[in-house]
């Protein structure tokens, strides 16, 4: 993420997510469940069942970025 990036909101997905999902699967969850355009300047945060891992999905200029911690 660029230091000058503008993030308007952060959305925390309310349910546990199967962490085998990649960018396409997570983007589908955003569009179907959260009903927010995935290309908006926002961060989408997903947690696994044990709540010990996090994935962050966002759109940056020319493609998606997916962070895993």
C-alpha atoms as a PDB file:
ATOM      1  CA  UNK A   1       0.000   0.000   0.000  1.00  0.00           C
ATOM      2  CA  UNK A   2       1.364   3.356  -0.972  1.00  0.00           C
ATOM      3  CA  UNK A   3       1.814   5.893   1.843  1.00  0.00           C
ATOM      4  CA  UNK A   4      -0.274   8.438  -0.059  1.00  0.00           C
ATOM      5  CA  UNK A   5      -3.202   6.030  -0.558  1.00  0.00           C
ATOM      6  CA  UNK A   6      -6.567   7.291   0.618  1.00  0.00           C
ATOM      7  CA  UNK A   7      -8.671   4.733   2.475  1.00  0.00           C
ATOM      8  CA  UNK A   8     -12.230   5.864   3.095  1.00  0.00           C
ATOM      9  CA  UNK A   9     -13.495   2.908   5.151  1.00  0.00           C
ATOM     10  CA  UNK A  10     -12.482  -0.434   6.595  1.00  0.00           C
ATOM     11  CA  UNK A  11     -14.969  -3.306   6.401  1.00  0.00           C
ATOM     12  CA  UNK A  12     -14.581  -6.281   8.744  1.00  0.00           C
ATOM     13  CA  UNK A  13     -16.271  -9.363   7.308  1.00  0.00           C
ATOM     14  CA  UNK A  14     -18.551 -10.652  10.110  1.00  0.00           C
ATOM     15  CA  UNK A  15     -18.151 -14.415   9.509  1.00  0.00           C
ATOM     16  CA  UNK A  16     -15.126 -16.687   9.578  1.00  0.00           C
ATOM     17  CA  UNK A  17     -13.638 -17.218   6.116  1.00  0.00           C
ATOM     18  CA  UNK A  18     -12.073 -20.315   4.590  1.00  0.00           C
ATOM     19  CA  UNK A  19      -8.489 -19.139   4.078  1.00  0.00           C
ATOM     20  CA  UNK A  20      -8.081 -21.264   0.983  1.00  0.00           C
ATOM     21  CA  UNK A  21     -10.066 -18.521  -0.766  1.00  0.00           C
ATOM     22  CA  UNK A  22      -7.969 -16.251  -2.920  1.00  0.00           C
ATOM     23  CA  UNK A  23      -8.622 -12.841  -4.439  1.00  0.00           C
ATOM     24  CA  UNK A  24     -11.542 -13.944  -6.625  1.00  0.00           C
ATOM     25  CA  UNK A  25     -13.326 -15.770  -3.815  1.00  0.00           C
ATOM     26  CA  UNK A  26     -12.899 -12.931  -1.338  1.00  0.00           C
ATOM     27  CA  UNK A  27     -14.004 -10.344  -3.909  1.00  0.00           C
ATOM     28  CA  UNK A  28     -17.149 -12.414  -4.525  1.00  0.00           C
ATOM     29  CA  UNK A  29     -17.890 -12.421  -0.776  1.00  0.00           C
ATOM     30  CA  UNK A  30     -17.550  -8.642  -0.721  1.00  0.00           C
ATOM     31  CA  UNK A  31     -19.919  -8.120  -3.639  1.00  0.00           C
ATOM     32  CA  UNK A  32     -22.522 -10.674  -2.506  1.00  0.00           C
ATOM     33  CA  UNK A  33     -22.563 -10.241   1.287  1.00  0.00           C
ATOM     34  CA  UNK A  34     -21.272  -6.752   2.037  1.00  0.00           C
ATOM     35  CA  UNK A  35     -22.713  -5.286  -1.189  1.00  0.00           C
ATOM     36  CA  UNK A  36     -19.870  -2.824  -1.684  1.00  0.00           C
ATOM     37  CA  UNK A  37     -17.959  -2.304  -4.925  1.00  0.00           C
ATOM     38  CA  UNK A  38     -14.567  -3.969  -4.584  1.00  0.00           C
ATOM     39  CA  UNK A  39     -12.938  -1.144  -6.559  1.00  0.00           C
ATOM     40  CA  UNK A  40     -13.824   1.525  -3.968  1.00  0.00           C
ATOM     41  CA  UNK A  41     -10.913   2.942  -1.902  1.00  0.00           C
ATOM     42  CA  UNK A  42     -11.660   0.739   1.119  1.00  0.00           C
ATOM     43  CA  UNK A  43     -10.024  -2.166   2.947  1.00  0.00           C
ATOM     44  CA  UNK A  44     -11.798  -5.490   3.396  1.00  0.00           C
ATOM     45  CA  UNK A  45     -10.612  -7.482   6.411  1.00  0.00           C
ATOM     46  CA  UNK A  46     -11.249 -11.220   6.771  1.00  0.00           C
ATOM     47  CA  UNK A  47     -10.487 -13.510   9.732  1.00  0.00           C
ATOM     48  CA  UNK A  48     -10.174 -17.279   9.869  1.00  0.00           C
ATOM     49  CA  UNK A  49     -12.204 -19.559  12.140  1.00  0.00           C
ATOM     50  CA  UNK A  50      -9.658 -19.421  14.982  1.00  0.00           C
ATOM     51  CA  UNK A  51      -9.293 -15.641  14.659  1.00  0.00           C
ATOM     52  CA  UNK A  52      -5.500 -15.931  14.588  1.00  0.00           C
ATOM     53  CA  UNK A  53      -4.958 -14.983  10.936  1.00  0.00           C
ATOM     54  CA  UNK A  54      -6.081 -12.028   8.905  1.00  0.00           C
ATOM     55  CA  UNK A  55      -6.390 -11.294   5.191  1.00  0.00           C
ATOM     56  CA  UNK A  56      -6.778  -7.762   3.866  1.00  0.00           C
ATOM     57  CA  UNK A  57      -8.037  -7.171   0.340  1.00  0.00           C
ATOM     58  CA  UNK A  58      -8.011  -3.857  -1.501  1.00  0.00           C
ATOM     59  CA  UNK A  59      -7.844  -2.428  -5.011  1.00  0.00           C
ATOM     60  CA  UNK A  60      -4.749  -0.448  -5.962  1.00  0.00           C
ATOM     61  CA  UNK A  61      -4.596   1.427  -9.281  1.00  0.00           C
ATOM     62  CA  UNK A  62      -4.197  -1.559 -11.590  1.00  0.00           C
ATOM     63  CA  UNK A  63      -5.002  -4.662  -9.552  1.00  0.00           C
ATOM     64  CA  UNK A  64      -5.944  -6.243  -6.257  1.00  0.00           C
ATOM     65  CA  UNK A  65      -3.595  -6.534  -3.297  1.00  0.00           C
ATOM     66  CA  UNK A  66      -4.030  -9.305  -0.764  1.00  0.00           C
ATOM     67  CA  UNK A  67      -2.161  -9.247   2.522  1.00  0.00           C
ATOM     68  CA  UNK A  68      -1.941 -12.218   4.856  1.00  0.00           C
ATOM     69  CA  UNK A  69      -0.741 -12.089   8.444  1.00  0.00           C
END
